[in-house]
Protein backbone atom coordinates (compact mmCIF):
# COMPACT_ATOMS: atom_id res chain seq x y z
CA MET A 1 -12.99 -4.69 -36.71
CA THR A 2 -12.81 -7.65 -34.25
CA LEU A 3 -14.78 -7.78 -30.82
CA VAL A 4 -12.99 -9.20 -28.01
CA ARG A 5 -15.37 -10.04 -25.27
CA TRP A 6 -13.80 -8.52 -22.09
CA THR A 7 -14.13 -10.91 -18.85
CA PRO A 8 -13.08 -8.97 -15.66
CA ARG A 9 -10.79 -10.94 -13.36
CA THR A 10 -11.76 -12.17 -10.05
CA PRO A 11 -10.37 -9.95 -7.00
CA SER A 12 -8.78 -12.43 -5.39
CA ARG A 13 -6.48 -13.41 -8.60
CA CYS A 14 -5.53 -9.73 -9.66
CA SER A 15 -6.01 -6.68 -9.40
CA PRO A 16 -5.96 -3.49 -11.19
CA SER A 17 -2.65 -2.37 -8.95
CA ARG A 18 -1.24 -5.83 -9.19
CA ASP A 19 -1.51 -5.61 -13.10
CA TYR A 20 0.07 -1.68 -12.90
CA ALA A 21 2.57 -3.11 -10.42
CA GLY A 22 3.53 -6.20 -13.14
CA MET A 23 3.72 -3.92 -15.89
CA MET A 24 5.72 -1.24 -14.46
CA SER A 25 8.32 -4.11 -13.45
CA ASN A 26 8.60 -5.35 -16.60
CA TRP A 27 9.39 -2.16 -18.25
CA GLU A 28 12.08 -1.40 -15.23
CA THR A 29 13.25 -5.03 -15.88
CA MET A 30 13.86 -4.11 -19.92
CA PHE A 31 15.56 -0.64 -19.16
CA ASP A 32 17.99 -2.34 -16.33
CA GLU A 33 18.96 -5.07 -18.90
CA PHE A 34 19.40 -2.54 -22.11
CA PHE A 35 21.88 -0.51 -20.13
CA GLY A 36 23.46 -3.46 -18.03
CA LEU A 37 22.27 -2.37 -14.94
CA PRO A 38 22.13 -5.47 -11.75
CA PRO A 39 18.10 -6.04 -11.25
CA ALA A 40 16.57 -4.70 -8.23
CA ALA A 41 16.59 -6.34 -5.02
CA PRO A 42 14.41 -8.72 -3.78
CA SER A 43 14.18 -6.16 -0.86
CA ASP A 44 11.96 -3.91 -2.99
CA TRP A 45 8.17 -4.23 -2.21
CA MET A 46 5.69 -2.54 -1.23
CA PRO A 47 2.57 -3.15 0.65
CA ALA A 48 -0.80 -3.37 -0.50
CA LEU A 49 -2.94 -0.89 0.55
CA ASP A 50 -6.91 0.02 0.87
CA VAL A 51 -7.68 3.85 0.50
CA ARG A 52 -11.69 4.79 1.17
CA GLU A 53 -13.24 7.93 1.67
CA GLU A 54 -16.32 8.24 4.13
CA GLN A 55 -18.66 10.57 5.02
CA ASN A 56 -16.78 11.53 8.47
CA GLY A 57 -13.08 11.27 7.02
CA TYR A 58 -10.67 8.51 5.26
CA ARG A 59 -9.62 5.01 6.32
CA VAL A 60 -6.43 3.43 4.86
CA LYS A 61 -5.61 -0.03 5.44
CA VAL A 62 -2.31 -1.75 4.47
CA ASP A 63 -1.62 -5.19 4.20
CA LEU A 64 1.52 -5.90 7.02
CA PRO A 65 2.17 -9.84 7.79
CA GLY A 66 4.76 -10.56 9.81
CA MET A 67 5.64 -7.49 11.04
CA SER A 68 4.54 -5.68 14.60
CA LYS A 69 3.98 -2.52 15.32
CA SER A 70 7.12 -1.71 16.46
CA ASP A 71 8.16 -2.25 12.58
CA LEU A 72 6.48 1.03 11.73
CA GLN A 73 6.64 4.68 11.78
CA LEU A 74 3.81 7.24 10.25
CA SER A 75 3.96 10.82 9.84
CA PHE A 76 1.51 13.19 8.17
CA GLU A 77 2.74 16.64 6.95
CA ASN A 78 1.35 18.81 4.41
CA ASP A 79 -1.66 16.57 3.66
CA VAL A 80 0.85 13.58 2.67
CA LEU A 81 0.82 10.59 4.60
CA THR A 82 3.72 8.68 4.84
CA ILE A 83 3.79 4.77 6.28
CA THR A 84 7.59 3.68 6.65
CA GLY A 85 8.35 0.27 7.72
CA GLU A 86 10.83 -2.89 7.36
CA ARG A 87 9.99 -6.73 7.22
CA LYS A 88 13.21 -8.32 8.66
CA SER A 89 14.09 -11.50 6.75
CA GLU A 90 13.37 -14.66 8.92
CA VAL A 91 16.77 -16.54 8.95
CA GLU A 92 16.35 -20.45 9.10
CA LYS A 93 19.30 -22.26 11.34
CA ASP A 94 18.14 -25.48 9.34
CA GLU A 95 20.87 -26.64 6.95
CA GLY A 96 18.34 -27.22 4.17
CA ARG A 97 18.27 -25.79 0.46
CA MET A 98 15.85 -23.09 -0.12
CA HIS A 99 13.48 -24.37 -3.18
CA ARG A 100 11.17 -21.32 -3.88
CA THR A 101 11.16 -17.82 -2.33
CA GLU A 102 8.27 -15.18 -2.92
CA ARG A 103 7.76 -13.42 -0.02
CA PHE A 104 9.60 -10.00 0.21
CA TYR A 105 11.85 -8.12 2.88
CA GLY A 106 13.35 -5.25 3.49
CA LYS A 107 12.16 -1.55 3.72
CA PHE A 108 9.40 0.37 2.46
CA THR A 109 7.73 3.62 2.06
CA ARG A 110 4.18 4.45 1.07
CA SER A 111 2.89 7.89 0.62
CA LEU A 112 -0.48 9.33 0.12
CA ARG A 113 -1.75 12.76 -0.61
CA PHE A 114 -4.86 13.90 1.27
CA PRO A 115 -7.22 16.73 0.23
CA ALA A 116 -6.22 20.06 3.07
CA ASP A 117 -9.70 19.04 4.40
CA VAL A 118 -8.36 16.20 7.04
CA LYS A 119 -8.12 16.81 10.93
CA HIS A 120 -4.48 16.26 11.03
CA GLN A 121 -4.11 16.41 14.91
CA GLU A 122 -7.16 13.77 15.32
CA ILE A 123 -5.33 10.88 13.11
CA GLU A 124 -5.68 7.57 14.53
CA ALA A 125 -3.72 4.44 14.04
CA THR A 126 -4.41 0.75 15.13
CA PHE A 127 -2.83 -2.05 14.38
CA GLU A 128 -4.21 -5.68 14.30
CA ASN A 129 -3.30 -9.08 12.71
CA GLY A 130 -1.21 -7.68 10.58
CA VAL A 131 -3.12 -4.76 9.29
CA LEU A 132 -2.53 -1.38 9.71
CA GLN A 133 -5.66 0.52 9.90
CA ILE A 134 -5.21 4.59 9.85
CA VAL A 135 -8.56 6.73 10.43
CA LEU A 136 -8.44 10.64 9.17
CA PRO A 137 -11.07 12.33 10.05
CA LYS A 138 -12.36 15.32 7.90
CA SER A 139 -13.18 19.09 9.06
CA ASP A 140 -16.46 20.09 10.28
CA GLN A 141 -16.92 22.35 6.71
CA ALA A 142 -15.34 19.15 4.51
CA ARG A 143 -18.03 16.74 5.70
CA ILE A 144 -21.58 16.14 3.56
CA ARG A 145 -24.14 17.44 5.17
CA LYS A 146 -28.08 17.55 3.91
CA ILE A 147 -29.98 20.59 3.39
CA GLU A 148 -33.75 20.39 4.10
CA VAL A 149 -35.90 22.44 1.37
CA LYS A 150 -38.36 24.27 2.53
């Protein structure tokens, strides 16, 4: 048996979610080619997000560069937070040739299930500098509390 040294990738270059997304993209491409399906439209994209549990609730941050808050819709139903939006393509008036396109445009939907302990009537969302931040407070019963030992 040969041991292979594991070297973690730097967070700025690669993340598990990107690795998984890349793997799924390769998998889908293989099936599409096998069945003769056209490749996925370039507008198929999902913005990156972070979900953090804190003592008083949950915090979701979503990277949405180039978008405004009027492009977004949020809903919370049956313990599922759904974020929907659309980044519109920037059409250039210039007659020059495009040499490389890596930015994605189009509609997206992200849905996240949370435990039933979220106070849905107190959810708050802010949008600043291309980052959507959603705070989902926990109910008082779900919060961690310290118990003094006597």
